[in-house]
Amino acid sequence: MAVHQHQPLDEARQLRAEAAQVRLRSIRSQIAIALTFCSVAEWQLETGYAEHVDAVLAKLQKLAATVRRHLNEPNHVPSNEVERVRIELAQLESRTLAVEERARRNR
């Protein structure tokens, strides 16, 4: 009987771990997409289509804030991955700041 009582707990633990992995993959995908948007914004600045850059930058800032908030939530992503994702987020934020600076210079 004791084995059956632990089985739902083990299953719940496994489901929480799987959910954290899915959220981790989602966050990493969002960061990758955001880096692509940085490339798009850079291209817009180079080619004279800078009127859309502010909208892209606003979305990038919102995404970064959302990712940061989720990283601060306990168990939202596997704890052993938090620092790596923070590094990826810092790279995104650095690139976003570079695009912002370039956009300011182009005005």
N, C-alpha and C. Protein backbone atom coordinates (compact mmCIF):
# COMPACT_ATOMS: atom_id res chain seq x y z
N MET A 1 0.81 -1.19 0.00
CA MET A 1 0.00 0.00 0.00
C MET A 1 0.86 1.26 0.00
N ALA A 2 1.99 1.25 0.70
CA ALA A 2 2.86 2.42 0.78
C ALA A 2 3.42 2.79 -0.60
N VAL A 3 3.65 1.80 -1.43
CA VAL A 3 4.18 2.07 -2.77
C VAL A 3 3.18 2.88 -3.56
N HIS A 4 1.91 2.58 -3.44
CA HIS A 4 0.88 3.30 -4.18
C HIS A 4 0.72 4.72 -3.67
N GLN A 5 0.97 4.96 -2.41
CA GLN A 5 0.85 6.31 -1.87
C GLN A 5 1.95 7.22 -2.38
N HIS A 6 3.13 6.68 -2.63
CA HIS A 6 4.25 7.49 -3.12
C HIS A 6 4.18 7.72 -4.62
N GLN A 7 3.48 6.87 -5.31
CA GLN A 7 3.42 6.97 -6.76
C GLN A 7 2.83 8.30 -7.23
N PRO A 8 1.72 8.81 -6.68
CA PRO A 8 1.23 10.12 -7.11
C PRO A 8 2.21 11.25 -6.81
N LEU A 9 2.93 11.16 -5.70
CA LEU A 9 3.93 12.18 -5.38
C LEU A 9 5.07 12.15 -6.38
N ASP A 10 5.53 10.97 -6.72
CA ASP A 10 6.60 10.84 -7.71
C ASP A 10 6.14 11.35 -9.07
N GLU A 11 4.92 11.03 -9.43
CA GLU A 11 4.37 11.49 -10.70
C GLU A 11 4.25 13.01 -10.72
N ALA A 12 3.78 13.59 -9.63
CA ALA A 12 3.66 15.04 -9.55
C ALA A 12 5.03 15.70 -9.64
N ARG A 13 6.01 15.13 -8.96
CA ARG A 13 7.38 15.65 -9.01
C ARG A 13 7.92 15.59 -10.44
N GLN A 14 7.67 14.48 -11.11
CA GLN A 14 8.12 14.31 -12.49
C GLN A 14 7.43 15.32 -13.41
N LEU A 15 6.16 15.53 -13.23
CA LEU A 15 5.43 16.51 -14.05
C LEU A 15 5.94 17.93 -13.83
N ARG A 16 6.25 18.27 -12.58
CA ARG A 16 6.81 19.60 -12.30
C ARG A 16 8.17 19.76 -12.98
N ALA A 17 8.98 18.72 -12.94
CA ALA A 17 10.30 18.78 -13.58
C ALA A 17 10.16 18.93 -15.10
N GLU A 18 9.23 18.19 -15.69
CA GLU A 18 8.99 18.29 -17.13
C GLU A 18 8.49 19.68 -17.49
N ALA A 19 7.60 20.24 -16.68
CA ALA A 19 7.07 21.58 -16.94
C ALA A 19 8.19 22.61 -16.88
N ALA A 20 9.10 22.48 -15.93
CA ALA A 20 10.23 23.40 -15.82
C ALA A 20 11.12 23.30 -17.06
N GLN A 21 11.31 22.09 -17.57
CA GLN A 21 12.11 21.91 -18.78
C GLN A 21 11.44 22.57 -19.99
N VAL A 22 10.12 22.42 -20.09
CA VAL A 22 9.38 23.04 -21.19
C VAL A 22 9.49 24.56 -21.10
N ARG A 23 9.35 25.10 -19.89
CA ARG A 23 9.49 26.55 -19.72
C ARG A 23 10.90 27.01 -20.08
N LEU A 24 11.90 26.22 -19.72
CA LEU A 24 13.28 26.55 -20.06
C LEU A 24 13.46 26.61 -21.59
N ARG A 25 12.95 25.60 -22.29
CA ARG A 25 13.04 25.61 -23.76
C ARG A 25 12.32 26.80 -24.35
N SER A 26 11.19 27.14 -23.78
CA SER A 26 10.42 28.30 -24.26
C SER A 26 11.21 29.60 -24.07
N ILE A 27 11.80 29.76 -22.91
CA ILE A 27 12.59 30.97 -22.63
C ILE A 27 13.78 31.05 -23.58
N ARG A 28 14.45 29.95 -23.77
CA ARG A 28 15.60 29.96 -24.69
C ARG A 28 15.16 30.28 -26.12
N SER A 29 14.02 29.76 -26.52
CA SER A 29 13.49 30.07 -27.86
C SER A 29 13.16 31.56 -27.96
N GLN A 30 12.57 32.12 -26.92
CA GLN A 30 12.23 33.54 -26.93
C GLN A 30 13.49 34.40 -27.03
N ILE A 31 14.53 34.01 -26.31
CA ILE A 31 15.79 34.76 -26.38
C ILE A 31 16.38 34.66 -27.79
N ALA A 32 16.34 33.49 -28.39
CA ALA A 32 16.86 33.31 -29.75
C ALA A 32 16.07 34.16 -30.74
N ILE A 33 14.76 34.18 -30.60
CA ILE A 33 13.93 35.01 -31.48
C ILE A 33 14.25 36.48 -31.26
N ALA A 34 14.43 36.88 -30.01
CA ALA A 34 14.75 38.27 -29.70
C ALA A 34 16.08 38.67 -30.33
N LEU A 35 17.06 37.78 -30.32
CA LEU A 35 18.34 38.08 -30.96
C LEU A 35 18.15 38.25 -32.47
N THR A 36 17.24 37.49 -33.05
CA THR A 36 16.92 37.66 -34.47
C THR A 36 16.29 39.03 -34.69
N PHE A 37 15.42 39.45 -33.78
CA PHE A 37 14.83 40.78 -33.90
C PHE A 37 15.88 41.88 -33.76
N CYS A 38 16.92 41.64 -32.96
CA CYS A 38 18.03 42.59 -32.89
C CYS A 38 18.68 42.72 -34.26
N SER A 39 18.87 41.60 -34.93
CA SER A 39 19.44 41.63 -36.28
C SER A 39 18.54 42.39 -37.25
N VAL A 40 17.25 42.18 -37.12
CA VAL A 40 16.30 42.91 -37.97
C VAL A 40 16.40 44.41 -37.70
N ALA A 41 16.44 44.80 -36.44
CA ALA A 41 16.55 46.21 -36.08
C ALA A 41 17.84 46.81 -36.62
N GLU A 42 18.94 46.06 -36.51
CA GLU A 42 20.21 46.54 -37.05
C GLU A 42 20.11 46.74 -38.56
N TRP A 43 19.49 45.80 -39.23
CA TRP A 43 19.30 45.91 -40.67
C TRP A 43 18.44 47.13 -41.00
N GLN A 44 17.39 47.35 -40.22
CA GLN A 44 16.53 48.51 -40.46
C GLN A 44 17.31 49.81 -40.32
N LEU A 45 18.19 49.87 -39.34
CA LEU A 45 19.01 51.06 -39.15
C LEU A 45 19.98 51.25 -40.32
N GLU A 46 20.52 50.17 -40.82
CA GLU A 46 21.48 50.25 -41.94
C GLU A 46 20.82 50.65 -43.24
N THR A 47 19.59 50.23 -43.43
CA THR A 47 18.93 50.42 -44.72
C THR A 47 17.95 51.59 -44.75
N GLY A 48 17.85 52.32 -43.65
CA GLY A 48 16.99 53.51 -43.66
C GLY A 48 15.55 53.25 -43.28
N TYR A 49 15.26 52.12 -42.71
CA TYR A 49 13.90 51.81 -42.26
C TYR A 49 13.79 51.93 -40.75
N ALA A 50 14.42 52.93 -40.20
CA ALA A 50 14.54 53.08 -38.75
C ALA A 50 13.23 53.42 -38.06
N GLU A 51 12.20 53.76 -38.80
CA GLU A 51 10.93 54.13 -38.15
C GLU A 51 10.30 52.99 -37.37
N HIS A 52 10.70 51.77 -37.64
CA HIS A 52 10.14 50.61 -36.93
C HIS A 52 11.02 50.13 -35.77
N VAL A 53 12.19 50.69 -35.65
CA VAL A 53 13.15 50.22 -34.65
C VAL A 53 12.63 50.43 -33.22
N ASP A 54 12.00 51.55 -32.96
CA ASP A 54 11.49 51.81 -31.60
C ASP A 54 10.48 50.75 -31.17
N ALA A 55 9.63 50.32 -32.07
CA ALA A 55 8.65 49.28 -31.74
C ALA A 55 9.35 47.96 -31.44
N VAL A 56 10.37 47.63 -32.23
CA VAL A 56 11.12 46.40 -32.00
C VAL A 56 11.84 46.47 -30.65
N LEU A 57 12.45 47.62 -30.36
CA LEU A 57 13.16 47.78 -29.09
C LEU A 57 12.22 47.66 -27.90
N ALA A 58 11.03 48.21 -28.02
CA ALA A 58 10.05 48.11 -26.93
C ALA A 58 9.68 46.65 -26.68
N LYS A 59 9.51 45.89 -27.73
CA LYS A 59 9.19 44.47 -27.57
C LYS A 59 10.36 43.70 -26.95
N LEU A 60 11.56 44.06 -27.36
CA LEU A 60 12.75 43.40 -26.79
C LEU A 60 12.86 43.69 -25.30
N GLN A 61 12.61 44.91 -24.90
CA GLN A 61 12.68 45.27 -23.49
C GLN A 61 11.61 44.54 -22.68
N LYS A 62 10.42 44.44 -23.24
CA LYS A 62 9.33 43.73 -22.56
C LYS A 62 9.68 42.24 -22.40
N LEU A 63 10.22 41.66 -23.45
CA LEU A 63 10.59 40.25 -23.38
C LEU A 63 11.66 40.04 -22.32
N ALA A 64 12.68 40.90 -22.29
CA ALA A 64 13.74 40.76 -21.30
C ALA A 64 13.20 40.87 -19.88
N ALA A 65 12.29 41.80 -19.66
CA ALA A 65 11.70 41.96 -18.33
C ALA A 65 10.89 40.72 -17.94
N THR A 66 10.17 40.16 -18.88
CA THR A 66 9.38 38.96 -18.61
C THR A 66 10.28 37.78 -18.28
N VAL A 67 11.35 37.60 -19.05
CA VAL A 67 12.28 36.50 -18.78
C VAL A 67 12.91 36.68 -17.40
N ARG A 68 13.33 37.90 -17.09
CA ARG A 68 13.95 38.15 -15.78
C ARG A 68 12.97 37.81 -14.65
N ARG A 69 11.72 38.22 -14.81
CA ARG A 69 10.72 37.93 -13.79
C ARG A 69 10.56 36.42 -13.59
N HIS A 70 10.51 35.68 -14.68
CA HIS A 70 10.37 34.22 -14.58
C HIS A 70 11.61 33.57 -13.96
N LEU A 71 12.77 34.10 -14.25
CA LEU A 71 13.99 33.54 -13.66
C LEU A 71 14.03 33.76 -12.15
N ASN A 72 13.37 34.80 -11.70
CA ASN A 72 13.33 35.08 -10.26
C ASN A 72 12.28 34.25 -9.53
N GLU A 73 11.41 33.56 -10.27
CA GLU A 73 10.40 32.71 -9.65
C GLU A 73 11.04 31.36 -9.30
N PRO A 74 10.90 30.95 -8.06
CA PRO A 74 11.47 29.66 -7.67
C PRO A 74 10.87 28.52 -8.50
N ASN A 75 11.73 27.65 -8.98
CA ASN A 75 11.34 26.43 -9.70
C ASN A 75 10.63 26.68 -11.02
N HIS A 76 10.71 27.91 -11.55
CA HIS A 76 10.09 28.16 -12.85
C HIS A 76 10.86 27.43 -13.95
N VAL A 77 12.18 27.45 -13.81
CA VAL A 77 13.05 26.66 -14.68
C VAL A 77 13.97 25.85 -13.77
N PRO A 78 14.57 24.80 -14.28
CA PRO A 78 15.47 24.01 -13.42
C PRO A 78 16.55 24.90 -12.81
N SER A 79 16.77 24.76 -11.53
CA SER A 79 17.70 25.63 -10.82
C SER A 79 19.12 25.56 -11.37
N ASN A 80 19.50 24.42 -11.90
CA ASN A 80 20.85 24.30 -12.47
C ASN A 80 21.01 25.02 -13.80
N GLU A 81 19.93 25.55 -14.35
CA GLU A 81 19.97 26.26 -15.64
C GLU A 81 19.82 27.77 -15.49
N VAL A 82 19.44 28.22 -14.31
CA VAL A 82 19.13 29.65 -14.11
C VAL A 82 20.32 30.53 -14.48
N GLU A 83 21.49 30.20 -14.02
CA GLU A 83 22.66 31.05 -14.28
C GLU A 83 22.98 31.12 -15.77
N ARG A 84 22.87 30.01 -16.46
CA ARG A 84 23.12 30.00 -17.91
C ARG A 84 22.13 30.87 -18.65
N VAL A 85 20.88 30.80 -18.24
CA VAL A 85 19.85 31.62 -18.90
C VAL A 85 20.10 33.09 -18.57
N ARG A 86 20.53 33.39 -17.35
CA ARG A 86 20.87 34.78 -17.00
C ARG A 86 21.98 35.31 -17.91
N ILE A 87 22.94 34.48 -18.23
CA ILE A 87 24.02 34.88 -19.14
C ILE A 87 23.46 35.15 -20.53
N GLU A 88 22.61 34.27 -21.01
CA GLU A 88 21.98 34.47 -22.32
C GLU A 88 21.15 35.75 -22.32
N LEU A 89 20.44 36.00 -21.24
CA LEU A 89 19.63 37.21 -21.13
C LEU A 89 20.53 38.45 -21.12
N ALA A 90 21.64 38.38 -20.42
CA ALA A 90 22.58 39.51 -20.39
C ALA A 90 23.13 39.80 -21.79
N GLN A 91 23.38 38.76 -22.56
CA GLN A 91 23.85 38.96 -23.94
C GLN A 91 22.77 39.65 -24.77
N LEU A 92 21.53 39.23 -24.59
CA LEU A 92 20.43 39.87 -25.30
C LEU A 92 20.32 41.34 -24.90
N GLU A 93 20.38 41.60 -23.61
CA GLU A 93 20.25 42.98 -23.14
C GLU A 93 21.40 43.85 -23.64
N SER A 94 22.59 43.30 -23.69
CA SER A 94 23.74 44.03 -24.21
C SER A 94 23.54 44.38 -25.69
N ARG A 95 23.07 43.42 -26.42
CA ARG A 95 22.83 43.64 -27.86
C ARG A 95 21.71 44.64 -28.06
N THR A 96 20.67 44.56 -27.23
CA THR A 96 19.55 45.51 -27.31
C THR A 96 20.05 46.93 -27.02
N LEU A 97 20.89 47.07 -26.00
CA LEU A 97 21.45 48.39 -25.68
C LEU A 97 22.28 48.93 -26.83
N ALA A 98 23.02 48.08 -27.50
CA ALA A 98 23.82 48.51 -28.65
C ALA A 98 22.92 49.02 -29.77
N VAL A 99 21.81 48.33 -30.00
CA VAL A 99 20.87 48.77 -31.04
C VAL A 99 20.23 50.10 -30.63
N GLU A 100 19.87 50.23 -29.35
CA GLU A 100 19.30 51.49 -28.87
C GLU A 100 20.27 52.64 -29.08
N GLU A 101 21.53 52.43 -28.73
CA GLU A 101 22.54 53.47 -28.90
C GLU A 101 22.71 53.84 -30.37
N ARG A 102 22.74 52.85 -31.18
CA ARG A 102 22.87 53.11 -32.63
C ARG A 102 21.67 53.88 -33.17
N ALA A 103 20.48 53.53 -32.68
CA ALA A 103 19.27 54.23 -33.11
C ALA A 103 19.32 55.71 -32.66
N ARG A 104 19.83 55.96 -31.45
CA ARG A 104 19.95 57.33 -30.97
C ARG A 104 20.92 58.13 -31.84
N ARG A 105 22.01 57.52 -32.21
CA ARG A 105 23.00 58.21 -33.05
C ARG A 105 22.45 58.52 -34.44
N ASN A 106 21.54 57.66 -34.93
CA ASN A 106 20.98 57.85 -36.27
C ASN A 106 19.90 58.93 -36.30
N ARG A 107 19.47 59.40 -35.16
CA ARG A 107 18.39 60.39 -35.15
C ARG A 107 18.92 61.77 -35.37
